[in-house]
Amino acid sequence: MLTITSRVETDRATRYLVQLCKHFARKVPAEWTDEEGTASFDWGTCVMRADADALSIHVAAPDEEALGRVRYVVTDHLERFGARDNLVVSWSEAQPAH
């Protein structure tokens, strides 16, 4: 398994977490509260955590291709949903899961 992370600075992290999870739930299994959410894609998993000042995102997938797919889907949706707030998702380098 490979993992990547991102921390997106926003004071509306809960709003984006819930919006993303509700949207993803139309096509894939997703669960959420106001503080944490998970979306399980066929090719990997995205776990999000909302804090007062940021949305933390952790993605895990079995290989680089699958990791790239999850990264693309999460980035594309969050940046579109957060366009008014100028949200930008920057990812860490891929790391083997511990």
PDB file of N, CA and C in Angstrom:
ATOM      1  N   MET A   1       0.831  -1.189   0.000  1.00  0.00           N
ATOM      2  CA  MET A   1       0.000   0.000   0.000  1.00  0.00           C
ATOM      3  C   MET A   1       0.871   1.247   0.000  1.00  0.00           C
ATOM      4  N   LEU A   2       0.416   2.251  -0.736  1.00  0.00           N
ATOM      5  CA  LEU A   2       1.068   3.546  -0.753  1.00  0.00           C
ATOM      6  C   LEU A   2       0.114   4.566  -0.153  1.00  0.00           C
ATOM      7  N   THR A   3       0.668   5.615   0.452  1.00  0.00           N
ATOM      8  CA  THR A   3      -0.167   6.661   1.040  1.00  0.00           C
ATOM      9  C   THR A   3       0.358   8.039   0.656  1.00  0.00           C
ATOM     10  N   ILE A   4      -0.558   8.987   0.614  1.00  0.00           N
ATOM     11  CA  ILE A   4      -0.228  10.399   0.467  1.00  0.00           C
ATOM     12  C   ILE A   4      -1.139  11.182   1.399  1.00  0.00           C
ATOM     13  N   THR A   5      -0.714  12.376   1.760  1.00  0.00           N
ATOM     14  CA  THR A   5      -1.516  13.224   2.635  1.00  0.00           C
ATOM     15  C   THR A   5      -1.540  14.655   2.118  1.00  0.00           C
ATOM     16  N   SER A   6      -2.544  15.376   2.569  1.00  0.00           N
ATOM     17  CA  SER A   6      -2.654  16.799   2.268  1.00  0.00           C
ATOM     18  C   SER A   6      -3.330  17.486   3.439  1.00  0.00           C
ATOM     19  N   ARG A   7      -2.963  18.724   3.674  1.00  0.00           N
ATOM     20  CA  ARG A   7      -3.609  19.550   4.685  1.00  0.00           C
ATOM     21  C   ARG A   7      -4.049  20.825   3.980  1.00  0.00           C
ATOM     22  N   VAL A   8      -5.357  20.993   3.830  1.00  0.00           N
ATOM     23  CA  VAL A   8      -5.920  22.134   3.112  1.00  0.00           C
ATOM     24  C   VAL A   8      -6.425  23.139   4.148  1.00  0.00           C
ATOM     25  N   GLU A   9      -5.773  24.282   4.191  1.00  0.00           N
ATOM     26  CA  GLU A   9      -6.138  25.319   5.153  1.00  0.00           C
ATOM     27  C   GLU A   9      -7.499  25.920   4.792  1.00  0.00           C
ATOM     28  N   THR A  10      -8.442  25.837   5.727  1.00  0.00           N
ATOM     29  CA  THR A  10      -9.772  26.430   5.555  1.00  0.00           C
ATOM     30  C   THR A  10     -10.473  26.462   6.902  1.00  0.00           C
ATOM     31  N   ASP A  11     -11.244  27.502   7.135  1.00  0.00           N
ATOM     32  CA  ASP A  11     -12.037  27.562   8.361  1.00  0.00           C
ATOM     33  C   ASP A  11     -13.409  26.907   8.157  1.00  0.00           C
ATOM     34  N   ARG A  12     -13.599  26.294   6.982  1.00  0.00           N
ATOM     35  CA  ARG A  12     -14.858  25.599   6.688  1.00  0.00           C
ATOM     36  C   ARG A  12     -14.611  24.127   6.375  1.00  0.00           C
ATOM     37  N   ALA A  13     -13.688  23.520   7.108  1.00  0.00           N
ATOM     38  CA  ALA A  13     -13.300  22.127   6.855  1.00  0.00           C
ATOM     39  C   ALA A  13     -14.483  21.168   6.990  1.00  0.00           C
ATOM     40  N   THR A  14     -15.301  21.351   8.018  1.00  0.00           N
ATOM     41  CA  THR A  14     -16.449  20.462   8.208  1.00  0.00           C
ATOM     42  C   THR A  14     -17.385  20.528   7.014  1.00  0.00           C
ATOM     43  N   ARG A  15     -17.637  21.707   6.527  1.00  0.00           N
ATOM     44  CA  ARG A  15     -18.525  21.885   5.378  1.00  0.00           C
ATOM     45  C   ARG A  15     -18.005  21.109   4.176  1.00  0.00           C
ATOM     46  N   TYR A  16     -16.720  21.223   3.894  1.00  0.00           N
ATOM     47  CA  TYR A  16     -16.150  20.531   2.735  1.00  0.00           C
ATOM     48  C   TYR A  16     -16.100  19.018   2.941  1.00  0.00           C
ATOM     49  N   LEU A  17     -15.788  18.585   4.136  1.00  0.00           N
ATOM     50  CA  LEU A  17     -15.761  17.150   4.437  1.00  0.00           C
ATOM     51  C   LEU A  17     -17.130  16.539   4.173  1.00  0.00           C
ATOM     52  N   VAL A  18     -18.172  17.136   4.715  1.00  0.00           N
ATOM     53  CA  VAL A  18     -19.528  16.620   4.544  1.00  0.00           C
ATOM     54  C   VAL A  18     -19.954  16.688   3.077  1.00  0.00           C
ATOM     55  N   GLN A  19     -19.650  17.788   2.405  1.00  0.00           N
ATOM     56  CA  GLN A  19     -20.016  17.941   1.003  1.00  0.00           C
ATOM     57  C   GLN A  19     -19.343  16.870   0.140  1.00  0.00           C
ATOM     58  N   LEU A  20     -18.049  16.653   0.353  1.00  0.00           N
ATOM     59  CA  LEU A  20     -17.341  15.627  -0.410  1.00  0.00           C
ATOM     60  C   LEU A  20     -17.917  14.240  -0.146  1.00  0.00           C
ATOM     61  N   CYS A  21     -18.094  13.897   1.107  1.00  0.00           N
ATOM     62  CA  CYS A  21     -18.591  12.565   1.448  1.00  0.00           C
ATOM     63  C   CYS A  21     -19.999  12.329   0.897  1.00  0.00           C
ATOM     64  N   LYS A  22     -20.875  13.314   1.008  1.00  0.00           N
ATOM     65  CA  LYS A  22     -22.227  13.171   0.452  1.00  0.00           C
ATOM     66  C   LYS A  22     -22.165  12.969  -1.058  1.00  0.00           C
ATOM     67  N   HIS A  23     -21.286  13.722  -1.708  1.00  0.00           N
ATOM     68  CA  HIS A  23     -21.146  13.597  -3.160  1.00  0.00           C
ATOM     69  C   HIS A  23     -20.600  12.221  -3.538  1.00  0.00           C
ATOM     70  N   PHE A  24     -19.520  11.796  -2.872  1.00  0.00           N
ATOM     71  CA  PHE A  24     -18.931  10.498  -3.173  1.00  0.00           C
ATOM     72  C   PHE A  24     -19.907   9.359  -2.877  1.00  0.00           C
ATOM     73  N   ALA A  25     -20.763   9.532  -1.862  1.00  0.00           N
ATOM     74  CA  ALA A  25     -21.698   8.477  -1.458  1.00  0.00           C
ATOM     75  C   ALA A  25     -22.707   8.131  -2.549  1.00  0.00           C
ATOM     76  N   ARG A  26     -22.841   8.982  -3.544  1.00  0.00           N
ATOM     77  CA  ARG A  26     -23.738   8.674  -4.655  1.00  0.00           C
ATOM     78  C   ARG A  26     -23.197   7.533  -5.516  1.00  0.00           C
ATOM     79  N   LYS A  27     -21.862   7.320  -5.453  1.00  0.00           N
ATOM     80  CA  LYS A  27     -21.253   6.301  -6.318  1.00  0.00           C
ATOM     81  C   LYS A  27     -20.445   5.250  -5.569  1.00  0.00           C
ATOM     82  N   VAL A  28     -19.925   5.592  -4.392  1.00  0.00           N
ATOM     83  CA  VAL A  28     -19.082   4.649  -3.642  1.00  0.00           C
ATOM     84  C   VAL A  28     -19.490   4.664  -2.173  1.00  0.00           C
ATOM     85  N   PRO A  29     -19.126   3.624  -1.427  1.00  0.00           N
ATOM     86  CA  PRO A  29     -19.415   3.643   0.011  1.00  0.00           C
ATOM     87  C   PRO A  29     -18.697   4.813   0.692  1.00  0.00           C
ATOM     88  N   ALA A  30     -19.447   5.569   1.487  1.00  0.00           N
ATOM     89  CA  ALA A  30     -18.875   6.705   2.218  1.00  0.00           C
ATOM     90  C   ALA A  30     -19.605   6.851   3.550  1.00  0.00           C
ATOM     91  N   GLU A  31     -18.835   7.193   4.565  1.00  0.00           N
ATOM     92  CA  GLU A  31     -19.385   7.447   5.905  1.00  0.00           C
ATOM     93  C   GLU A  31     -18.768   8.727   6.421  1.00  0.00           C
ATOM     94  N   TRP A  32     -19.532   9.475   7.260  1.00  0.00           N
ATOM     95  CA  TRP A  32     -18.977  10.709   7.781  1.00  0.00           C
ATOM     96  C   TRP A  32     -19.713  11.185   9.012  1.00  0.00           C
ATOM     97  N   THR A  33     -18.981  11.990   9.769  1.00  0.00           N
ATOM     98  CA  THR A  33     -19.522  12.806  10.844  1.00  0.00           C
ATOM     99  C   THR A  33     -19.040  14.217  10.521  1.00  0.00           C
ATOM    100  N   ASP A  34     -19.258  15.157  11.425  1.00  0.00           N
ATOM    101  CA  ASP A  34     -18.745  16.505  11.186  1.00  0.00           C
ATOM    102  C   ASP A  34     -17.224  16.571  11.318  1.00  0.00           C
ATOM    103  N   GLU A  35     -16.618  15.574  11.959  1.00  0.00           N
ATOM    104  CA  GLU A  35     -15.175  15.611  12.195  1.00  0.00           C
ATOM    105  C   GLU A  35     -14.367  14.687  11.294  1.00  0.00           C
ATOM    106  N   GLU A  36     -14.960  13.582  10.822  1.00  0.00           N
ATOM    107  CA  GLU A  36     -14.188  12.603  10.063  1.00  0.00           C
ATOM    108  C   GLU A  36     -15.051  11.941   9.006  1.00  0.00           C
ATOM    109  N   GLY A  37     -14.435  11.632   7.864  1.00  0.00           N
ATOM    110  CA  GLY A  37     -15.159  10.964   6.796  1.00  0.00           C
ATOM    111  C   GLY A  37     -14.260  10.017   6.035  1.00  0.00           C
ATOM    112  N   THR A  38     -14.874   8.987   5.450  1.00  0.00           N
ATOM    113  CA  THR A  38     -14.154   8.008   4.655  1.00  0.00           C
ATOM    114  C   THR A  38     -14.938   7.714   3.381  1.00  0.00           C
ATOM    115  N   ALA A  39     -14.223   7.689   2.258  1.00  0.00           N
ATOM    116  CA  ALA A  39     -14.798   7.264   0.987  1.00  0.00           C
ATOM    117  C   ALA A  39     -13.961   6.103   0.487  1.00  0.00           C
ATOM    118  N   SER A  40     -14.625   4.995   0.156  1.00  0.00           N
ATOM    119  CA  SER A  40     -13.930   3.780  -0.280  1.00  0.00           C
ATOM    120  C   SER A  40     -14.174   3.554  -1.768  1.00  0.00           C
ATOM    121  N   PHE A  41     -13.180   3.942  -2.566  1.00  0.00           N
ATOM    122  CA  PHE A  41     -13.240   3.733  -4.008  1.00  0.00           C
ATOM    123  C   PHE A  41     -12.783   2.310  -4.322  1.00  0.00           C
ATOM    124  N   ASP A  42     -13.089   1.809  -5.505  1.00  0.00           N
ATOM    125  CA  ASP A  42     -12.634   0.484  -5.905  1.00  0.00           C
ATOM    126  C   ASP A  42     -11.110   0.399  -5.915  1.00  0.00           C
ATOM    127  N   TRP A  43     -10.460   1.513  -6.119  1.00  0.00           N
ATOM    128  CA  TRP A  43      -9.008   1.514  -6.284  1.00  0.00           C
ATOM    129  C   TRP A  43      -8.249   2.108  -5.103  1.00  0.00           C
ATOM    130  N   GLY A  44      -8.916   2.566  -4.052  1.00  0.00           N
ATOM    131  CA  GLY A  44      -8.236   3.114  -2.882  1.00  0.00           C
ATOM    132  C   GLY A  44      -9.208   3.767  -1.917  1.00  0.00           C
ATOM    133  N   THR A  45      -8.664   4.275  -0.818  1.00  0.00           N
ATOM    134  CA  THR A  45      -9.482   4.857   0.239  1.00  0.00           C
ATOM    135  C   THR A  45      -9.023   6.284   0.549  1.00  0.00           C
ATOM    136  N   CYS A  46      -9.982   7.135   0.858  1.00  0.00           N
ATOM    137  CA  CYS A  46      -9.705   8.509   1.266  1.00  0.00           C
ATOM    138  C   CYS A  46     -10.314   8.723   2.648  1.00  0.00           C
ATOM    139  N   VAL A  47      -9.476   9.129   3.606  1.00  0.00           N
ATOM    140  CA  VAL A  47      -9.936   9.444   4.959  1.00  0.00           C
ATOM    141  C   VAL A  47      -9.678  10.926   5.196  1.00  0.00           C
ATOM    142  N   MET A  48     -10.714  11.637   5.641  1.00  0.00           N
ATOM    143  CA  MET A  48     -10.605  13.077   5.876  1.00  0.00           C
ATOM    144  C   MET A  48     -10.905  13.398   7.335  1.00  0.00           C
ATOM    145  N   ARG A  49     -10.232  14.420   7.837  1.00  0.00           N
ATOM    146  CA  ARG A  49     -10.461  14.877   9.208  1.00  0.00           C
ATOM    147  C   ARG A  49     -10.573  16.394   9.189  1.00  0.00           C
ATOM    148  N   ALA A  50     -11.652  16.922   9.769  1.00  0.00           N
ATOM    149  CA  ALA A  50     -11.874  18.363   9.829  1.00  0.00           C
ATOM    150  C   ALA A  50     -11.432  18.907  11.181  1.00  0.00           C
ATOM    151  N   ASP A  51     -10.589  19.925  11.148  1.00  0.00           N
ATOM    152  CA  ASP A  51     -10.187  20.662  12.334  1.00  0.00           C
ATOM    153  C   ASP A  51     -10.684  22.095  12.189  1.00  0.00           C
ATOM    154  N   ALA A  52     -10.452  22.914  13.183  1.00  0.00           N
ATOM    155  CA  ALA A  52     -10.920  24.300  13.153  1.00  0.00           C
ATOM    156  C   ALA A  52     -10.322  25.099  12.000  1.00  0.00           C
ATOM    157  N   ASP A  53      -9.103  24.745  11.580  1.00  0.00           N
ATOM    158  CA  ASP A  53      -8.424  25.559  10.572  1.00  0.00           C
ATOM    159  C   ASP A  53      -7.979  24.803   9.323  1.00  0.00           C
ATOM    160  N   ALA A  54      -8.324  23.517   9.201  1.00  0.00           N
ATOM    161  CA  ALA A  54      -7.879  22.772   8.022  1.00  0.00           C
ATOM    162  C   ALA A  54      -8.644  21.464   7.847  1.00  0.00           C
ATOM    163  N   LEU A  55      -8.617  20.977   6.605  1.00  0.00           N
ATOM    164  CA  LEU A  55      -9.123  19.655   6.273  1.00  0.00           C
ATOM    165  C   LEU A  55      -7.902  18.792   5.959  1.00  0.00           C
ATOM    166  N   SER A  56      -7.688  17.770   6.766  1.00  0.00           N
ATOM    167  CA  SER A  56      -6.573  16.843   6.547  1.00  0.00           C
ATOM    168  C   SER A  56      -7.090  15.649   5.760  1.00  0.00           C
ATOM    169  N   ILE A  57      -6.326  15.257   4.739  1.00  0.00           N
ATOM    170  CA  ILE A  57      -6.742  14.176   3.853  1.00  0.00           C
ATOM    171  C   ILE A  57      -5.641  13.129   3.794  1.00  0.00           C
ATOM    172  N   HIS A  58      -6.023  11.868   3.929  1.00  0.00           N
ATOM    173  CA  HIS A  58      -5.090  10.741   3.868  1.00  0.00           C
ATOM    174  C   HIS A  58      -5.632   9.763   2.833  1.00  0.00           C
ATOM    175  N   VAL A  59      -4.836   9.479   1.809  1.00  0.00           N
ATOM    176  CA  VAL A  59      -5.241   8.564   0.743  1.00  0.00           C
ATOM    177  C   VAL A  59      -4.329   7.348   0.764  1.00  0.00           C
ATOM    178  N   ALA A  60      -4.909   6.166   0.616  1.00  0.00           N
ATOM    179  CA  ALA A  60      -4.148   4.914   0.541  1.00  0.00           C
ATOM    180  C   ALA A  60      -4.641   4.109  -0.652  1.00  0.00           C
ATOM    181  N   ALA A  61      -3.686   3.501  -1.367  1.00  0.00           N
ATOM    182  CA  ALA A  61      -4.007   2.684  -2.529  1.00  0.00           C
ATOM    183  C   ALA A  61      -2.892   1.662  -2.746  1.00  0.00           C
ATOM    184  N   PRO A  62      -3.181   0.573  -3.469  1.00  0.00           N
ATOM    185  CA  PRO A  62      -2.199  -0.492  -3.609  1.00  0.00           C
ATOM    186  C   PRO A  62      -1.010  -0.173  -4.510  1.00  0.00           C
ATOM    187  N   ASP A  63      -1.174   0.771  -5.454  1.00  0.00           N
ATOM    188  CA  ASP A  63      -0.072   1.083  -6.363  1.00  0.00           C
ATOM    189  C   ASP A  63      -0.155   2.534  -6.834  1.00  0.00           C
ATOM    190  N   GLU A  64       0.865   2.972  -7.579  1.00  0.00           N
ATOM    191  CA  GLU A  64       0.946   4.368  -8.041  1.00  0.00           C
ATOM    192  C   GLU A  64      -0.244   4.771  -8.911  1.00  0.00           C
ATOM    193  N   GLU A  65      -0.661   3.881  -9.801  1.00  0.00           N
ATOM    194  CA  GLU A  65      -1.780   4.208 -10.689  1.00  0.00           C
ATOM    195  C   GLU A  65      -3.062   4.436  -9.893  1.00  0.00           C
ATOM    196  N   ALA A  66      -3.355   3.539  -8.974  1.00  0.00           N
ATOM    197  CA  ALA A  66      -4.562   3.664  -8.154  1.00  0.00           C
ATOM    198  C   ALA A  66      -4.473   4.898  -7.260  1.00  0.00           C
ATOM    199  N   LEU A  67      -3.296   5.148  -6.707  1.00  0.00           N
ATOM    200  CA  LEU A  67      -3.096   6.328  -5.862  1.00  0.00           C
ATOM    201  C   LEU A  67      -3.371   7.600  -6.662  1.00  0.00           C
ATOM    202  N   GLY A  68      -2.875   7.625  -7.891  1.00  0.00           N
ATOM    203  CA  GLY A  68      -3.105   8.780  -8.758  1.00  0.00           C
ATOM    204  C   GLY A  68      -4.573   8.999  -9.066  1.00  0.00           C
ATOM    205  N   ARG A  69      -5.317   7.921  -9.229  1.00  0.00           N
ATOM    206  CA  ARG A  69      -6.753   8.044  -9.504  1.00  0.00           C
ATOM    207  C   ARG A  69      -7.488   8.665  -8.328  1.00  0.00           C
ATOM    208  N   VAL A  70      -7.221   8.156  -7.116  1.00  0.00           N
ATOM    209  CA  VAL A  70      -7.886   8.709  -5.931  1.00  0.00           C
ATOM    210  C   VAL A  70      -7.466  10.166  -5.740  1.00  0.00           C
ATOM    211  N   ARG A  71      -6.171  10.427  -5.866  1.00  0.00           N
ATOM    212  CA  ARG A  71      -5.663  11.804  -5.716  1.00  0.00           C
ATOM    213  C   ARG A  71      -6.372  12.745  -6.682  1.00  0.00           C
ATOM    214  N   TYR A  72      -6.503  12.323  -7.942  1.00  0.00           N
ATOM    215  CA  TYR A  72      -7.153  13.159  -8.944  1.00  0.00           C
ATOM    216  C   TYR A  72      -8.612  13.440  -8.580  1.00  0.00           C
ATOM    217  N   VAL A  73      -9.360  12.397  -8.221  1.00  0.00           N
ATOM    218  CA  VAL A  73     -10.781  12.561  -7.906  1.00  0.00           C
ATOM    219  C   VAL A  73     -10.974  13.500  -6.708  1.00  0.00           C
ATOM    220  N   VAL A  74     -10.207  13.288  -5.651  1.00  0.00           N
ATOM    221  CA  VAL A  74     -10.344  14.115  -4.444  1.00  0.00           C
ATOM    222  C   VAL A  74      -9.939  15.553  -4.743  1.00  0.00           C
ATOM    223  N   THR A  75      -8.805  15.741  -5.405  1.00  0.00           N
ATOM    224  CA  THR A  75      -8.326  17.090  -5.732  1.00  0.00           C
ATOM    225  C   THR A  75      -9.331  17.820  -6.605  1.00  0.00           C
ATOM    226  N   ASP A  76      -9.774  17.171  -7.673  1.00  0.00           N
ATOM    227  CA  ASP A  76     -10.704  17.794  -8.610  1.00  0.00           C
ATOM    228  C   ASP A  76     -11.978  18.245  -7.909  1.00  0.00           C
ATOM    229  N   HIS A  77     -12.564  17.377  -7.113  1.00  0.00           N
ATOM    230  CA  HIS A  77     -13.817  17.727  -6.450  1.00  0.00           C
ATOM    231  C   HIS A  77     -13.621  18.806  -5.394  1.00  0.00           C
ATOM    232  N   LEU A  78     -12.619  18.670  -4.543  1.00  0.00           N
ATOM    233  CA  LEU A  78     -12.430  19.656  -3.480  1.00  0.00           C
ATOM    234  C   LEU A  78     -12.095  21.028  -4.051  1.00  0.00           C
ATOM    235  N   GLU A  79     -11.255  21.097  -5.066  1.00  0.00           N
ATOM    236  CA  GLU A  79     -10.920  22.403  -5.640  1.00  0.00           C
ATOM    237  C   GLU A  79     -12.111  23.034  -6.352  1.00  0.00           C
ATOM    238  N   ARG A  80     -12.966  22.217  -6.972  1.00  0.00           N
ATOM    239  CA  ARG A  80     -14.185  22.768  -7.578  1.00  0.00           C
ATOM    240  C   ARG A  80     -15.157  23.245  -6.510  1.00  0.00           C
ATOM    241  N   PHE A  81     -15.390  22.407  -5.481  1.00  0.00           N
ATOM    242  CA  PHE A  81     -16.311  22.796  -4.413  1.00  0.00           C
ATOM    243  C   PHE A  81     -15.798  24.018  -3.667  1.00  0.00           C
ATOM    244  N   GLY A  82     -14.489  24.155  -3.548  1.00  0.00           N
ATOM    245  CA  GLY A  82     -13.882  25.250  -2.795  1.00  0.00           C
ATOM    246  C   GLY A  82     -13.366  26.389  -3.648  1.00  0.00           C
ATOM    247  N   ALA A  83     -13.860  26.508  -4.869  1.00  0.00           N
ATOM    248  CA  ALA A  83     -13.369  27.547  -5.784  1.00  0.00           C
ATOM    249  C   ALA A  83     -13.540  28.949  -5.202  1.00  0.00           C
ATOM    250  N   ARG A  84     -14.655  29.210  -4.549  1.00  0.00           N
ATOM    251  CA  ARG A  84     -14.877  30.532  -3.940  1.00  0.00           C
ATOM    252  C   ARG A  84     -13.853  30.861  -2.871  1.00  0.00           C
ATOM    253  N   ASP A  85     -13.413  29.829  -2.172  1.00  0.00           N
ATOM    254  CA  ASP A  85     -12.429  30.014  -1.103  1.00  0.00           C
ATOM    255  C   ASP A  85     -10.995  29.823  -1.609  1.00  0.00           C
ATOM    256  N   ASN A  86     -10.849  29.647  -2.929  1.00  0.00           N
ATOM    257  CA  ASN A  86      -9.532  29.448  -3.541  1.00  0.00           C
ATOM    258  C   ASN A  86      -8.767  28.289  -2.915  1.00  0.00           C
ATOM    259  N   LEU A  87      -9.453  27.178  -2.640  1.00  0.00           N
ATOM    260  CA  LEU A  87      -8.784  26.020  -2.050  1.00  0.00           C
ATOM    261  C   LEU A  87      -7.839  25.383  -3.062  1.00  0.00           C
ATOM    262  N   VAL A  88      -6.658  25.021  -2.581  1.00  0.00           N
ATOM    263  CA  VAL A  88      -5.661  24.333  -3.393  1.00  0.00           C
ATOM    264  C   VAL A  88      -5.188  23.120  -2.602  1.00  0.00           C
ATOM    265  N   VAL A  89      -5.205  21.956  -3.255  1.00  0.00           N
ATOM    266  CA  VAL A  89      -4.778  20.727  -2.598  1.00  0.00           C
ATOM    267  C   VAL A  89      -3.352  20.415  -3.041  1.00  0.00           C
ATOM    268  N   SER A  90      -2.426  20.368  -2.089  1.00  0.00           N
ATOM    269  CA  SER A  90      -1.037  20.004  -2.358  1.00  0.00           C
ATOM    270  C   SER A  90      -0.756  18.707  -1.597  1.00  0.00           C
ATOM    271  N   TRP A  91      -0.229  17.711  -2.298  1.00  0.00           N
ATOM    272  CA  TRP A  91      -0.037  16.388  -1.727  1.00  0.00           C
ATOM    273  C   TRP A  91       1.419  16.148  -1.334  1.00  0.00           C
ATOM    274  N   SER A  92       1.600  15.313  -0.336  1.00  0.00           N
ATOM    275  CA  SER A  92       2.935  14.846   0.059  1.00  0.00           C
ATOM    276  C   SER A  92       3.420  13.858  -1.001  1.00  0.00           C
ATOM    277  N   GLU A  93       4.673  13.500  -0.933  1.00  0.00           N
ATOM    278  CA  GLU A  93       5.201  12.427  -1.792  1.00  0.00           C
ATOM    279  C   GLU A  93       4.614  11.091  -1.331  1.00  0.00           C
ATOM    280  N   ALA A  94       4.416  10.172  -2.264  1.00  0.00           N
ATOM    281  CA  ALA A  94       3.886   8.846  -1.929  1.00  0.00           C
ATOM    282  C   ALA A  94       4.865   8.107  -1.011  1.00  0.00           C
ATOM    283  N   GLN A  95       4.307   7.485   0.008  1.00  0.00           N
ATOM    284  CA  GLN A  95       5.089   6.724   0.980  1.00  0.00           C
ATOM    285  C   GLN A  95       4.485   5.333   1.136  1.00  0.00           C
ATOM    286  N   PRO A  96       5.324   4.325   1.383  1.00  0.00           N
ATOM    287  CA  PRO A  96       4.760   3.009   1.716  1.00  0.00           C
ATOM    288  C   PRO A  96       3.985   3.094   3.030  1.00  0.00           C
ATOM    289  N   ALA A  97       2.847   2.420   3.105  1.00  0.00           N
ATOM    290  CA  ALA A  97       2.056   2.406   4.350  1.00  0.00           C
ATOM    291  C   ALA A  97       2.831   1.639   5.407  1.00  0.00           C
ATOM    292  N   HIS A  98       2.722   2.084   6.636  1.00  0.00           N
ATOM    293  CA  HIS A  98       3.440   1.425   7.750  1.00  0.00           C
ATOM    294  C   HIS A  98       2.610   0.303   8.313  1.00  0.00           C
TER     295      HIS A  98
END
